[in-house]
């Protein structure tokens, strides 16, 4: 009976971890990266992921940054940017072509680069 309970607990933990990885992973995003430049319409540093709403020539985009600690390590913290600032964001867009959502790997503001996922930045 103890083995069955332990096995059930292990399966539940693995299933939960898989769901968390799927939510926080990159499977929803394209492999290729794009750059977007626009003005910040709103920003939030709240968990689970800080976000920017960006007004571009192509319309409004939702920009997802890293988790709060990761975003903070990049130096992109509250007070660095404000509504109305122009930024350039490098990242991976949603696989859904109708969804204007991007997972940022780098944010550039006033010539300063904030590398949120430095290991994922693709250079040509």
PDB file of N, CA and C in Angstrom:
ATOM      1  N   UNK A   1       0.824  -1.186   0.000  1.00  0.00           N
ATOM      2  CA  UNK A   1       0.000   0.000   0.000  1.00  0.00           C
ATOM      3  C   UNK A   1       0.874   1.258   0.000  1.00  0.00           C
ATOM      4  N   UNK A   2       1.959   1.243   0.776  1.00  0.00           N
ATOM      5  CA  UNK A   2       2.852   2.390   0.840  1.00  0.00           C
ATOM      6  C   UNK A   2       3.490   2.645  -0.511  1.00  0.00           C
ATOM      7  N   UNK A   3       3.855   1.585  -1.227  1.00  0.00           N
ATOM      8  CA  UNK A   3       4.451   1.741  -2.556  1.00  0.00           C
ATOM      9  C   UNK A   3       3.460   2.376  -3.521  1.00  0.00           C
ATOM     10  N   UNK A   4       2.214   1.966  -3.440  1.00  0.00           N
ATOM     11  CA  UNK A   4       1.190   2.530  -4.330  1.00  0.00           C
ATOM     12  C   UNK A   4       1.014   4.019  -4.046  1.00  0.00           C
ATOM     13  N   UNK A   5       0.967   4.380  -2.778  1.00  0.00           N
ATOM     14  CA  UNK A   5       0.827   5.795  -2.423  1.00  0.00           C
ATOM     15  C   UNK A   5       2.051   6.598  -2.878  1.00  0.00           C
ATOM     16  N   UNK A   6       3.238   6.044  -2.694  1.00  0.00           N
ATOM     17  CA  UNK A   6       4.461   6.733  -3.112  1.00  0.00           C
ATOM     18  C   UNK A   6       4.493   6.891  -4.628  1.00  0.00           C
ATOM     19  N   UNK A   7       4.105   5.834  -5.339  1.00  0.00           N
ATOM     20  CA  UNK A   7       4.076   5.910  -6.803  1.00  0.00           C
ATOM     21  C   UNK A   7       3.043   6.929  -7.271  1.00  0.00           C
ATOM     22  N   UNK A   8       1.895   6.953  -6.637  1.00  0.00           N
ATOM     23  CA  UNK A   8       0.851   7.916  -6.992  1.00  0.00           C
ATOM     24  C   UNK A   8       1.326   9.343  -6.746  1.00  0.00           C
ATOM     25  N   UNK A   9       2.003   9.557  -5.633  1.00  0.00           N
ATOM     26  CA  UNK A   9       2.529  10.889  -5.316  1.00  0.00           C
ATOM     27  C   UNK A   9       3.573  11.311  -6.344  1.00  0.00           C
ATOM     28  N   UNK A  10       4.446  10.389  -6.716  1.00  0.00           N
ATOM     29  CA  UNK A  10       5.485  10.700  -7.706  1.00  0.00           C
ATOM     30  C   UNK A  10       4.861  11.058  -9.050  1.00  0.00           C
ATOM     31  N   UNK A  11       3.853  10.310  -9.458  1.00  0.00           N
ATOM     32  CA  UNK A  11       3.170  10.599 -10.723  1.00  0.00           C
ATOM     33  C   UNK A  11       2.508  11.974 -10.663  1.00  0.00           C
ATOM     34  N   UNK A  12       1.867  12.286  -9.552  1.00  0.00           N
ATOM     35  CA  UNK A  12       1.212  13.593  -9.401  1.00  0.00           C
ATOM     36  C   UNK A  12       2.230  14.726  -9.476  1.00  0.00           C
ATOM     37  N   UNK A  13       3.385  14.538  -8.838  1.00  0.00           N
ATOM     38  CA  UNK A  13       4.426  15.571  -8.866  1.00  0.00           C
ATOM     39  C   UNK A  13       4.948  15.760 -10.286  1.00  0.00           C
ATOM     40  N   UNK A  14       5.207  14.669 -10.991  1.00  0.00           N
ATOM     41  CA  UNK A  14       5.692  14.766 -12.364  1.00  0.00           C
ATOM     42  C   UNK A  14       4.663  15.415 -13.282  1.00  0.00           C
ATOM     43  N   UNK A  15       3.409  15.097 -13.106  1.00  0.00           N
ATOM     44  CA  UNK A  15       2.350  15.690 -13.929  1.00  0.00           C
ATOM     45  C   UNK A  15       2.258  17.183 -13.681  1.00  0.00           C
ATOM     46  N   UNK A  16       2.366  17.593 -12.431  1.00  0.00           N
ATOM     47  CA  UNK A  16       2.314  19.008 -12.090  1.00  0.00           C
ATOM     48  C   UNK A  16       3.524  19.742 -12.656  1.00  0.00           C
ATOM     49  N   UNK A  17       4.690  19.149 -12.548  1.00  0.00           N
ATOM     50  CA  UNK A  17       5.907  19.772 -13.076  1.00  0.00           C
ATOM     51  C   UNK A  17       5.801  19.928 -14.586  1.00  0.00           C
ATOM     52  N   UNK A  18       5.264  18.937 -15.267  1.00  0.00           N
ATOM     53  CA  UNK A  18       5.089  19.017 -16.722  1.00  0.00           C
ATOM     54  C   UNK A  18       4.165  20.152 -17.110  1.00  0.00           C
ATOM     55  N   UNK A  19       3.076  20.310 -16.378  1.00  0.00           N
ATOM     56  CA  UNK A  19       2.144  21.408 -16.659  1.00  0.00           C
ATOM     57  C   UNK A  19       2.816  22.754 -16.423  1.00  0.00           C
ATOM     58  N   UNK A  20       3.601  22.858 -15.374  1.00  0.00           N
ATOM     59  CA  UNK A  20       4.296  24.120 -15.097  1.00  0.00           C
ATOM     60  C   UNK A  20       5.298  24.434 -16.188  1.00  0.00           C
ATOM     61  N   UNK A  21       6.048  23.445 -16.627  1.00  0.00           N
ATOM     62  CA  UNK A  21       7.010  23.670 -17.706  1.00  0.00           C
ATOM     63  C   UNK A  21       6.313  24.062 -18.993  1.00  0.00           C
ATOM     64  N   UNK A  22       5.188  23.457 -19.290  1.00  0.00           N
ATOM     65  CA  UNK A  22       4.448  23.794 -20.506  1.00  0.00           C
ATOM     66  C   UNK A  22       3.981  25.243 -20.445  1.00  0.00           C
ATOM     67  N   UNK A  23       3.524  25.681 -19.269  1.00  0.00           N
ATOM     68  CA  UNK A  23       3.049  27.053 -19.132  1.00  0.00           C
ATOM     69  C   UNK A  23       4.202  28.050 -19.252  1.00  0.00           C
ATOM     70  N   UNK A  24       5.335  27.724 -18.645  1.00  0.00           N
ATOM     71  CA  UNK A  24       6.439  28.665 -18.612  1.00  0.00           C
ATOM     72  C   UNK A  24       7.474  28.390 -19.690  1.00  0.00           C
ATOM     73  N   UNK A  25       7.250  27.410 -20.527  1.00  0.00           N
ATOM     74  CA  UNK A  25       8.214  27.059 -21.553  1.00  0.00           C
ATOM     75  C   UNK A  25       8.109  27.947 -22.782  1.00  0.00           C
ATOM     76  N   UNK A  26       8.736  27.497 -23.821  1.00  0.00           N
ATOM     77  CA  UNK A  26       8.803  28.245 -25.070  1.00  0.00           C
ATOM     78  C   UNK A  26       8.032  27.549 -26.189  1.00  0.00           C
ATOM     79  N   UNK A  27       7.309  26.486 -25.883  1.00  0.00           N
ATOM     80  CA  UNK A  27       6.654  25.700 -26.925  1.00  0.00           C
ATOM     81  C   UNK A  27       5.592  26.495 -27.689  1.00  0.00           C
ATOM     82  N   UNK A  28       5.093  27.559 -27.108  1.00  0.00           N
ATOM     83  CA  UNK A  28       4.078  28.384 -27.762  1.00  0.00           C
ATOM     84  C   UNK A  28       4.679  29.409 -28.716  1.00  0.00           C
ATOM     85  N   UNK A  29       6.018  29.517 -28.745  1.00  0.00           N
ATOM     86  CA  UNK A  29       6.684  30.569 -29.512  1.00  0.00           C
ATOM     87  C   UNK A  29       7.473  30.001 -30.693  1.00  0.00           C
ATOM     88  N   UNK A  30       7.600  30.826 -31.727  1.00  0.00           N
ATOM     89  CA  UNK A  30       8.399  30.455 -32.894  1.00  0.00           C
ATOM     90  C   UNK A  30       9.876  30.362 -32.517  1.00  0.00           C
ATOM     91  N   UNK A  31      10.626  29.584 -33.277  1.00  0.00           N
ATOM     92  CA  UNK A  31      12.063  29.446 -33.026  1.00  0.00           C
ATOM     93  C   UNK A  31      12.827  30.693 -33.458  1.00  0.00           C
ATOM     94  N   UNK A  32      12.406  31.300 -34.587  1.00  0.00           N
ATOM     95  CA  UNK A  32      13.084  32.495 -35.087  1.00  0.00           C
ATOM     96  C   UNK A  32      12.709  33.708 -34.254  1.00  0.00           C
ATOM     97  N   UNK A  33      13.633  34.651 -34.172  1.00  0.00           N
ATOM     98  CA  UNK A  33      13.400  35.853 -33.384  1.00  0.00           C
ATOM     99  C   UNK A  33      13.133  37.048 -34.293  1.00  0.00           C
ATOM    100  N   UNK A  34      12.341  37.977 -33.775  1.00  0.00           N
ATOM    101  CA  UNK A  34      12.042  39.212 -34.480  1.00  0.00           C
ATOM    102  C   UNK A  34      12.321  40.381 -33.545  1.00  0.00           C
ATOM    103  N   UNK A  35      12.443  41.563 -34.134  1.00  0.00           N
ATOM    104  CA  UNK A  35      12.569  42.794 -33.359  1.00  0.00           C
ATOM    105  C   UNK A  35      11.324  43.634 -33.563  1.00  0.00           C
ATOM    106  N   UNK A  36      10.848  44.208 -32.477  1.00  0.00           N
ATOM    107  CA  UNK A  36       9.728  45.144 -32.513  1.00  0.00           C
ATOM    108  C   UNK A  36      10.180  46.436 -31.867  1.00  0.00           C
ATOM    109  N   UNK A  37       9.800  47.551 -32.464  1.00  0.00           N
ATOM    110  CA  UNK A  37      10.067  48.854 -31.861  1.00  0.00           C
ATOM    111  C   UNK A  37       8.739  49.566 -31.700  1.00  0.00           C
ATOM    112  N   UNK A  38       8.540  50.141 -30.545  1.00  0.00           N
ATOM    113  CA  UNK A  38       7.308  50.861 -30.291  1.00  0.00           C
ATOM    114  C   UNK A  38       7.353  51.595 -28.976  1.00  0.00           C
ATOM    115  N   UNK A  39       6.208  52.186 -28.643  1.00  0.00           N
ATOM    116  CA  UNK A  39       6.085  52.937 -27.388  1.00  0.00           C
ATOM    117  C   UNK A  39       5.346  52.108 -26.353  1.00  0.00           C
ATOM    118  N   UNK A  40       5.837  52.174 -25.135  1.00  0.00           N
ATOM    119  CA  UNK A  40       5.207  51.444 -24.041  1.00  0.00           C
ATOM    120  C   UNK A  40       3.862  52.095 -23.727  1.00  0.00           C
ATOM    121  N   UNK A  41       2.798  51.280 -23.780  1.00  0.00           N
ATOM    122  CA  UNK A  41       1.462  51.744 -23.401  1.00  0.00           C
ATOM    123  C   UNK A  41       1.167  51.442 -21.937  1.00  0.00           C
ATOM    124  N   UNK A  42       1.694  50.317 -21.456  1.00  0.00           N
ATOM    125  CA  UNK A  42       1.570  49.966 -20.039  1.00  0.00           C
ATOM    126  C   UNK A  42       2.644  48.950 -19.708  1.00  0.00           C
ATOM    127  N   UNK A  43       2.967  48.882 -18.414  1.00  0.00           N
ATOM    128  CA  UNK A  43       3.919  47.870 -17.950  1.00  0.00           C
ATOM    129  C   UNK A  43       3.516  47.374 -16.582  1.00  0.00           C
ATOM    130  N   UNK A  44       3.859  46.108 -16.341  1.00  0.00           N
ATOM    131  CA  UNK A  44       3.562  45.473 -15.069  1.00  0.00           C
ATOM    132  C   UNK A  44       4.754  44.613 -14.679  1.00  0.00           C
ATOM    133  N   UNK A  45       5.121  44.700 -13.423  1.00  0.00           N
ATOM    134  CA  UNK A  45       6.213  43.870 -12.916  1.00  0.00           C
ATOM    135  C   UNK A  45       5.690  42.765 -12.005  1.00  0.00           C
ATOM    136  N   UNK A  46       4.398  42.516 -12.062  1.00  0.00           N
ATOM    137  CA  UNK A  46       3.756  41.520 -11.208  1.00  0.00           C
ATOM    138  C   UNK A  46       4.037  40.103 -11.717  1.00  0.00           C
ATOM    139  N   UNK A  47       4.104  39.131 -10.790  1.00  0.00           N
ATOM    140  CA  UNK A  47       4.246  37.732 -11.197  1.00  0.00           C
ATOM    141  C   UNK A  47       2.993  37.275 -11.946  1.00  0.00           C
ATOM    142  N   UNK A  48       3.043  36.233 -12.738  1.00  0.00           N
ATOM    143  CA  UNK A  48       4.186  35.340 -12.898  1.00  0.00           C
ATOM    144  C   UNK A  48       5.241  35.892 -13.852  1.00  0.00           C
ATOM    145  N   UNK A  49       4.864  36.807 -14.756  1.00  0.00           N
ATOM    146  CA  UNK A  49       5.823  37.383 -15.692  1.00  0.00           C
ATOM    147  C   UNK A  49       5.549  38.864 -15.845  1.00  0.00           C
ATOM    148  N   UNK A  50       6.558  39.702 -15.644  1.00  0.00           N
ATOM    149  CA  UNK A  50       6.382  41.104 -15.985  1.00  0.00           C
ATOM    150  C   UNK A  50       6.041  41.229 -17.469  1.00  0.00           C
ATOM    151  N   UNK A  51       5.234  42.224 -17.800  1.00  0.00           N
ATOM    152  CA  UNK A  51       4.791  42.403 -19.181  1.00  0.00           C
ATOM    153  C   UNK A  51       4.831  43.870 -19.585  1.00  0.00           C
ATOM    154  N   UNK A  52       4.940  44.064 -20.874  1.00  0.00           N
ATOM    155  CA  UNK A  52       4.801  45.384 -21.493  1.00  0.00           C
ATOM    156  C   UNK A  52       3.687  45.284 -22.518  1.00  0.00           C
ATOM    157  N   UNK A  53       2.891  46.315 -22.628  1.00  0.00           N
ATOM    158  CA  UNK A  53       1.978  46.456 -23.754  1.00  0.00           C
ATOM    159  C   UNK A  53       2.637  47.501 -24.639  1.00  0.00           C
ATOM    160  N   UNK A  54       2.900  47.130 -25.897  1.00  0.00           N
ATOM    161  CA  UNK A  54       3.700  47.958 -26.783  1.00  0.00           C
ATOM    162  C   UNK A  54       2.878  48.368 -28.000  1.00  0.00           C
ATOM    163  N   UNK A  55       2.846  49.669 -28.288  1.00  0.00           N
ATOM    164  CA  UNK A  55       2.185  50.189 -29.490  1.00  0.00           C
ATOM    165  C   UNK A  55       3.237  50.291 -30.589  1.00  0.00           C
ATOM    166  N   UNK A  56       3.050  49.519 -31.663  1.00  0.00           N
ATOM    167  CA  UNK A  56       3.989  49.516 -32.784  1.00  0.00           C
ATOM    168  C   UNK A  56       3.259  49.966 -34.039  1.00  0.00           C
ATOM    169  N   UNK A  57       3.989  50.126 -35.121  1.00  0.00           N
ATOM    170  CA  UNK A  57       3.380  50.471 -36.404  1.00  0.00           C
ATOM    171  C   UNK A  57       2.426  49.365 -36.858  1.00  0.00           C
ATOM    172  N   UNK A  58       2.632  48.156 -36.326  1.00  0.00           N
ATOM    173  CA  UNK A  58       1.833  46.978 -36.669  1.00  0.00           C
ATOM    174  C   UNK A  58       0.673  46.769 -35.689  1.00  0.00           C
ATOM    175  N   UNK A  59       0.457  47.703 -34.773  1.00  0.00           N
ATOM    176  CA  UNK A  59      -0.606  47.555 -33.776  1.00  0.00           C
ATOM    177  C   UNK A  59      -0.040  47.253 -32.400  1.00  0.00           C
ATOM    178  N   UNK A  60      -0.932  46.875 -31.489  1.00  0.00           N
ATOM    179  CA  UNK A  60      -0.541  46.603 -30.113  1.00  0.00           C
ATOM    180  C   UNK A  60       0.002  45.194 -29.922  1.00  0.00           C
ATOM    181  N   UNK A  61       1.058  45.057 -29.149  1.00  0.00           N
ATOM    182  CA  UNK A  61       1.691  43.774 -28.851  1.00  0.00           C
ATOM    183  C   UNK A  61       1.817  43.604 -27.347  1.00  0.00           C
ATOM    184  N   UNK A  62       1.635  42.380 -26.886  1.00  0.00           N
ATOM    185  CA  UNK A  62       1.908  42.022 -25.494  1.00  0.00           C
ATOM    186  C   UNK A  62       3.302  41.409 -25.454  1.00  0.00           C
ATOM    187  N   UNK A  63       4.161  41.988 -24.639  1.00  0.00           N
ATOM    188  CA  UNK A  63       5.539  41.524 -24.504  1.00  0.00           C
ATOM    189  C   UNK A  63       5.685  40.875 -23.136  1.00  0.00           C
ATOM    190  N   UNK A  64       6.037  39.602 -23.120  1.00  0.00           N
ATOM    191  CA  UNK A  64       6.270  38.889 -21.868  1.00  0.00           C
ATOM    192  C   UNK A  64       7.765  38.872 -21.588  1.00  0.00           C
ATOM    193  N   UNK A  65       8.128  39.267 -20.385  1.00  0.00           N
ATOM    194  CA  UNK A  65       9.525  39.252 -19.960  1.00  0.00           C
ATOM    195  C   UNK A  65       9.783  37.959 -19.193  1.00  0.00           C
ATOM    196  N   UNK A  66      10.907  37.842 -18.532  1.00  0.00           N
ATOM    197  CA  UNK A  66      11.197  36.657 -17.730  1.00  0.00           C
ATOM    198  C   UNK A  66      10.441  36.708 -16.411  1.00  0.00           C
ATOM    199  N   UNK A  67      10.645  35.726 -15.562  1.00  0.00           N
ATOM    200  CA  UNK A  67      10.017  35.783 -14.240  1.00  0.00           C
ATOM    201  C   UNK A  67      10.567  37.017 -13.517  1.00  0.00           C
ATOM    202  N   UNK A  68       9.910  37.468 -12.444  1.00  0.00           N
ATOM    203  CA  UNK A  68      10.363  38.704 -11.795  1.00  0.00           C
ATOM    204  C   UNK A  68      11.837  38.730 -11.402  1.00  0.00           C
ATOM    205  N   UNK A  69      12.365  37.644 -10.841  1.00  0.00           N
ATOM    206  CA  UNK A  69      13.782  37.621 -10.453  1.00  0.00           C
ATOM    207  C   UNK A  69      14.701  37.704 -11.667  1.00  0.00           C
ATOM    208  N   UNK A  70      14.365  36.979 -12.703  1.00  0.00           N
ATOM    209  CA  UNK A  70      15.185  36.974 -13.914  1.00  0.00           C
ATOM    210  C   UNK A  70      15.170  38.352 -14.580  1.00  0.00           C
ATOM    211  N   UNK A  71      13.995  38.956 -14.655  1.00  0.00           N
ATOM    212  CA  UNK A  71      13.889  40.287 -15.247  1.00  0.00           C
ATOM    213  C   UNK A  71      14.693  41.288 -14.426  1.00  0.00           C
ATOM    214  N   UNK A  72      14.627  41.174 -13.105  1.00  0.00           N
ATOM    215  CA  UNK A  72      15.377  42.063 -12.220  1.00  0.00           C
ATOM    216  C   UNK A  72      16.881  41.885 -12.416  1.00  0.00           C
ATOM    217  N   UNK A  73      17.343  40.640 -12.570  1.00  0.00           N
ATOM    218  CA  UNK A  73      18.779  40.381 -12.790  1.00  0.00           C
ATOM    219  C   UNK A  73      19.286  41.055 -14.060  1.00  0.00           C
ATOM    220  N   UNK A  74      18.401  41.214 -15.054  1.00  0.00           N
ATOM    221  CA  UNK A  74      18.808  41.872 -16.296  1.00  0.00           C
ATOM    222  C   UNK A  74      18.996  43.372 -16.103  1.00  0.00           C
ATOM    223  N   UNK A  75      18.470  43.894 -14.993  1.00  0.00           N
ATOM    224  CA  UNK A  75      18.534  45.328 -14.733  1.00  0.00           C
ATOM    225  C   UNK A  75      17.274  46.067 -15.152  1.00  0.00           C
ATOM    226  N   UNK A  76      16.355  45.360 -15.798  1.00  0.00           N
ATOM    227  CA  UNK A  76      15.098  45.978 -16.222  1.00  0.00           C
ATOM    228  C   UNK A  76      14.124  45.899 -15.048  1.00  0.00           C
ATOM    229  N   UNK A  77      14.146  46.943 -14.224  1.00  0.00           N
ATOM    230  CA  UNK A  77      13.370  46.976 -12.984  1.00  0.00           C
ATOM    231  C   UNK A  77      12.416  48.166 -13.016  1.00  0.00           C
ATOM    232  N   UNK A  78      11.503  48.179 -12.052  1.00  0.00           N
ATOM    233  CA  UNK A  78      10.576  49.300 -11.961  1.00  0.00           C
ATOM    234  C   UNK A  78      11.352  50.606 -11.895  1.00  0.00           C
ATOM    235  N   UNK A  79      10.879  51.584 -12.662  1.00  0.00           N
ATOM    236  CA  UNK A  79      11.521  52.886 -12.688  1.00  0.00           C
ATOM    237  C   UNK A  79      12.475  53.075 -13.849  1.00  0.00           C
ATOM    238  N   UNK A  80      12.953  51.989 -14.468  1.00  0.00           N
ATOM    239  CA  UNK A  80      13.860  52.092 -15.608  1.00  0.00           C
ATOM    240  C   UNK A  80      13.103  52.610 -16.837  1.00  0.00           C
ATOM    241  N   UNK A  81      11.886  52.113 -17.027  1.00  0.00           N
ATOM    242  CA  UNK A  81      11.066  52.496 -18.183  1.00  0.00           C
ATOM    243  C   UNK A  81       9.737  53.035 -17.683  1.00  0.00           C
ATOM    244  N   UNK A  82       9.115  53.845 -18.543  1.00  0.00           N
ATOM    245  CA  UNK A  82       7.805  54.388 -18.194  1.00  0.00           C
ATOM    246  C   UNK A  82       6.923  54.418 -19.432  1.00  0.00           C
ATOM    247  N   UNK A  83       5.640  54.565 -19.205  1.00  0.00           N
ATOM    248  CA  UNK A  83       4.687  54.676 -20.308  1.00  0.00           C
ATOM    249  C   UNK A  83       5.134  55.827 -21.218  1.00  0.00           C
ATOM    250  N   UNK A  84       5.126  55.560 -22.511  1.00  0.00           N
ATOM    251  CA  UNK A  84       5.537  56.555 -23.498  1.00  0.00           C
ATOM    252  C   UNK A  84       6.955  56.378 -23.993  1.00  0.00           C
ATOM    253  N   UNK A  85       7.787  55.628 -23.257  1.00  0.00           N
ATOM    254  CA  UNK A  85       9.160  55.378 -23.698  1.00  0.00           C
ATOM    255  C   UNK A  85       9.158  54.494 -24.944  1.00  0.00           C
ATOM    256  N   UNK A  86      10.099  54.776 -25.845  1.00  0.00           N
ATOM    257  CA  UNK A  86      10.265  53.915 -27.014  1.00  0.00           C
ATOM    258  C   UNK A  86      11.294  52.847 -26.688  1.00  0.00           C
ATOM    259  N   UNK A  87      10.946  51.606 -26.988  1.00  0.00           N
ATOM    260  CA  UNK A  87      11.836  50.477 -26.751  1.00  0.00           C
ATOM    261  C   UNK A  87      11.905  49.612 -28.003  1.00  0.00           C
ATOM    262  N   UNK A  88      12.981  48.870 -28.097  1.00  0.00           N
ATOM    263  CA  UNK A  88      13.096  47.823 -29.115  1.00  0.00           C
ATOM    264  C   UNK A  88      13.207  46.511 -28.354  1.00  0.00           C
ATOM    265  N   UNK A  89      12.402  45.555 -28.766  1.00  0.00           N
ATOM    266  CA  UNK A  89      12.363  44.259 -28.092  1.00  0.00           C
ATOM    267  C   UNK A  89      12.743  43.176 -29.095  1.00  0.00           C
ATOM    268  N   UNK A  90      13.660  42.318 -28.703  1.00  0.00           N
ATOM    269  CA  UNK A  90      14.035  41.148 -29.480  1.00  0.00           C
ATOM    270  C   UNK A  90      13.428  39.938 -28.796  1.00  0.00           C
ATOM    271  N   UNK A  91      12.779  39.079 -29.565  1.00  0.00           N
ATOM    272  CA  UNK A  91      12.191  37.908 -28.940  1.00  0.00           C
ATOM    273  C   UNK A  91      11.515  36.980 -29.922  1.00  0.00           C
ATOM    274  N   UNK A  92      10.815  36.022 -29.364  1.00  0.00           N
ATOM    275  CA  UNK A  92      10.146  34.980 -30.133  1.00  0.00           C
ATOM    276  C   UNK A  92       8.644  35.210 -30.075  1.00  0.00           C
ATOM    277  N   UNK A  93       8.034  35.353 -31.258  1.00  0.00           N
ATOM    278  CA  UNK A  93       6.607  35.633 -31.304  1.00  0.00           C
ATOM    279  C   UNK A  93       5.789  34.361 -31.182  1.00  0.00           C
ATOM    280  N   UNK A  94       4.534  34.531 -30.882  1.00  0.00           N
ATOM    281  CA  UNK A  94       3.609  33.414 -30.742  1.00  0.00           C
ATOM    282  C   UNK A  94       3.497  32.646 -32.052  1.00  0.00           C
ATOM    283  N   UNK A  95       3.318  31.330 -31.935  1.00  0.00           N
ATOM    284  CA  UNK A  95       3.075  30.495 -33.120  1.00  0.00           C
ATOM    285  C   UNK A  95       1.753  30.845 -33.791  1.00  0.00           C
ATOM    286  N   UNK A  96       0.819  31.398 -33.034  1.00  0.00           N
ATOM    287  CA  UNK A  96      -0.482  31.793 -33.567  1.00  0.00           C
ATOM    288  C   UNK A  96      -0.322  33.131 -34.285  1.00  0.00           C
ATOM    289  N   UNK A  97      -0.434  33.157 -35.621  1.00  0.00           N
ATOM    290  CA  UNK A  97      -0.201  34.405 -36.355  1.00  0.00           C
ATOM    291  C   UNK A  97      -1.222  35.502 -36.033  1.00  0.00           C
ATOM    292  N   UNK A  98      -2.347  35.130 -35.432  1.00  0.00           N
ATOM    293  CA  UNK A  98      -3.359  36.119 -35.069  1.00  0.00           C
ATOM    294  C   UNK A  98      -3.126  36.718 -33.689  1.00  0.00           C
ATOM    295  N   UNK A  99      -2.145  36.175 -32.963  1.00  0.00           N
ATOM    296  CA  UNK A  99      -1.852  36.643 -31.611  1.00  0.00           C
ATOM    297  C   UNK A  99      -0.588  37.497 -31.631  1.00  0.00           C
ATOM    298  N   UNK A 100      -0.698  38.734 -31.220  1.00  0.00           N
ATOM    299  CA  UNK A 100       0.457  39.624 -31.173  1.00  0.00           C
ATOM    300  C   UNK A 100       1.053  39.568 -29.769  1.00  0.00           C
ATOM    301  N   UNK A 101       1.813  38.497 -29.561  1.00  0.00           N
ATOM    302  CA  UNK A 101       2.443  38.234 -28.270  1.00  0.00           C
ATOM    303  C   UNK A 101       3.869  37.797 -28.533  1.00  0.00           C
ATOM    304  N   UNK A 102       4.805  38.315 -27.741  1.00  0.00           N
ATOM    305  CA  UNK A 102       6.217  38.054 -27.936  1.00  0.00           C
ATOM    306  C   UNK A 102       6.868  37.753 -26.596  1.00  0.00           C
ATOM    307  N   UNK A 103       7.699  36.719 -26.556  1.00  0.00           N
ATOM    308  CA  UNK A 103       8.510  36.406 -25.370  1.00  0.00           C
ATOM    309  C   UNK A 103       9.853  37.094 -25.576  1.00  0.00           C
ATOM    310  N   UNK A 104      10.122  38.119 -24.785  1.00  0.00           N
ATOM    311  CA  UNK A 104      11.324  38.931 -24.967  1.00  0.00           C
ATOM    312  C   UNK A 104      12.571  38.227 -24.441  1.00  0.00           C
ATOM    313  N   UNK A 105      13.646  38.316 -25.202  1.00  0.00           N
ATOM    314  CA  UNK A 105      14.959  37.871 -24.726  1.00  0.00           C
ATOM    315  C   UNK A 105      15.846  39.072 -24.426  1.00  0.00           C
ATOM    316  N   UNK A 106      15.534  40.219 -25.060  1.00  0.00           N
ATOM    317  CA  UNK A 106      16.300  41.450 -24.844  1.00  0.00           C
ATOM    318  C   UNK A 106      15.368  42.651 -25.019  1.00  0.00           C
ATOM    319  N   UNK A 107      15.541  43.634 -24.152  1.00  0.00           N
ATOM    320  CA  UNK A 107      14.849  44.916 -24.282  1.00  0.00           C
ATOM    321  C   UNK A 107      15.929  45.986 -24.386  1.00  0.00           C
ATOM    322  N   UNK A 108      15.791  46.874 -25.376  1.00  0.00           N
ATOM    323  CA  UNK A 108      16.732  47.979 -25.532  1.00  0.00           C
ATOM    324  C   UNK A 108      15.975  49.279 -25.321  1.00  0.00           C
ATOM    325  N   UNK A 109      16.471  50.075 -24.393  1.00  0.00           N
ATOM    326  CA  UNK A 109      15.850  51.349 -24.030  1.00  0.00           C
ATOM    327  C   UNK A 109      16.946  52.401 -23.928  1.00  0.00           C
ATOM    328  N   UNK A 110      16.815  53.472 -24.699  1.00  0.00           N
ATOM    329  CA  UNK A 110      17.800  54.574 -24.678  1.00  0.00           C
ATOM    330  C   UNK A 110      19.220  54.059 -24.899  1.00  0.00           C
ATOM    331  N   UNK A 111      19.366  53.097 -25.801  1.00  0.00           N
ATOM    332  CA  UNK A 111      20.685  52.561 -26.132  1.00  0.00           C
ATOM    333  C   UNK A 111      21.228  51.530 -25.159  1.00  0.00           C
ATOM    334  N   UNK A 112      20.543  51.294 -24.055  1.00  0.00           N
ATOM    335  CA  UNK A 112      20.995  50.293 -23.068  1.00  0.00           C
ATOM    336  C   UNK A 112      20.239  48.990 -23.293  1.00  0.00           C
ATOM    337  N   UNK A 113      20.986  47.895 -23.327  1.00  0.00           N
ATOM    338  CA  UNK A 113      20.390  46.572 -23.532  1.00  0.00           C
ATOM    339  C   UNK A 113      20.190  45.869 -22.200  1.00  0.00           C
ATOM    340  N   UNK A 114      18.988  45.286 -22.051  1.00  0.00           N
ATOM    341  CA  UNK A 114      18.648  44.489 -20.877  1.00  0.00           C
ATOM    342  C   UNK A 114      18.427  43.059 -21.371  1.00  0.00           C
ATOM    343  N   UNK A 115      19.413  42.202 -21.149  1.00  0.00           N
ATOM    344  CA  UNK A 115      19.353  40.827 -21.638  1.00  0.00           C
ATOM    345  C   UNK A 115      18.639  39.953 -20.614  1.00  0.00           C
ATOM    346  N   UNK A 116      17.399  39.649 -20.896  1.00  0.00           N
ATOM    347  CA  UNK A 116      16.572  38.876 -19.977  1.00  0.00           C
ATOM    348  C   UNK A 116      16.895  37.390 -20.079  1.00  0.00           C
ATOM    349  N   UNK A 117      17.079  36.911 -21.293  1.00  0.00           N
ATOM    350  CA  UNK A 117      17.490  35.526 -21.539  1.00  0.00           C
ATOM    351  C   UNK A 117      18.751  35.560 -22.402  1.00  0.00           C
ATOM    352  N   UNK A 118      19.908  35.918 -21.842  1.00  0.00           N
ATOM    353  CA  UNK A 118      21.117  36.059 -22.652  1.00  0.00           C
ATOM    354  C   UNK A 118      21.494  34.801 -23.419  1.00  0.00           C
ATOM    355  N   UNK A 119      21.220  33.643 -22.837  1.00  0.00           N
ATOM    356  CA  UNK A 119      21.579  32.380 -23.500  1.00  0.00           C
ATOM    357  C   UNK A 119      20.702  32.093 -24.719  1.00  0.00           C
ATOM    358  N   UNK A 120      19.591  32.789 -24.874  1.00  0.00           N
ATOM    359  CA  UNK A 120      18.667  32.550 -25.978  1.00  0.00           C
ATOM    360  C   UNK A 120      18.806  33.580 -27.099  1.00  0.00           C
ATOM    361  N   UNK A 121      19.629  34.601 -26.910  1.00  0.00           N
ATOM    362  CA  UNK A 121      19.755  35.650 -27.926  1.00  0.00           C
ATOM    363  C   UNK A 121      20.452  35.080 -29.147  1.00  0.00           C
ATOM    364  N   UNK A 122      19.777  35.197 -30.279  1.00  0.00           N
ATOM    365  CA  UNK A 122      20.322  34.718 -31.543  1.00  0.00           C
ATOM    366  C   UNK A 122      20.972  35.891 -32.263  1.00  0.00           C
ATOM    367  N   UNK A 123      22.200  35.714 -32.680  1.00  0.00           N
ATOM    368  CA  UNK A 123      22.882  36.757 -33.450  1.00  0.00           C
ATOM    369  C   UNK A 123      23.093  36.246 -34.858  1.00  0.00           C
ATOM    370  N   UNK A 124      23.042  37.162 -35.784  1.00  0.00           N
ATOM    371  CA  UNK A 124      23.218  36.771 -37.207  1.00  0.00           C
ATOM    372  C   UNK A 124      24.651  36.932 -37.629  1.00  0.00           C
TER     373      UNK A 124
END
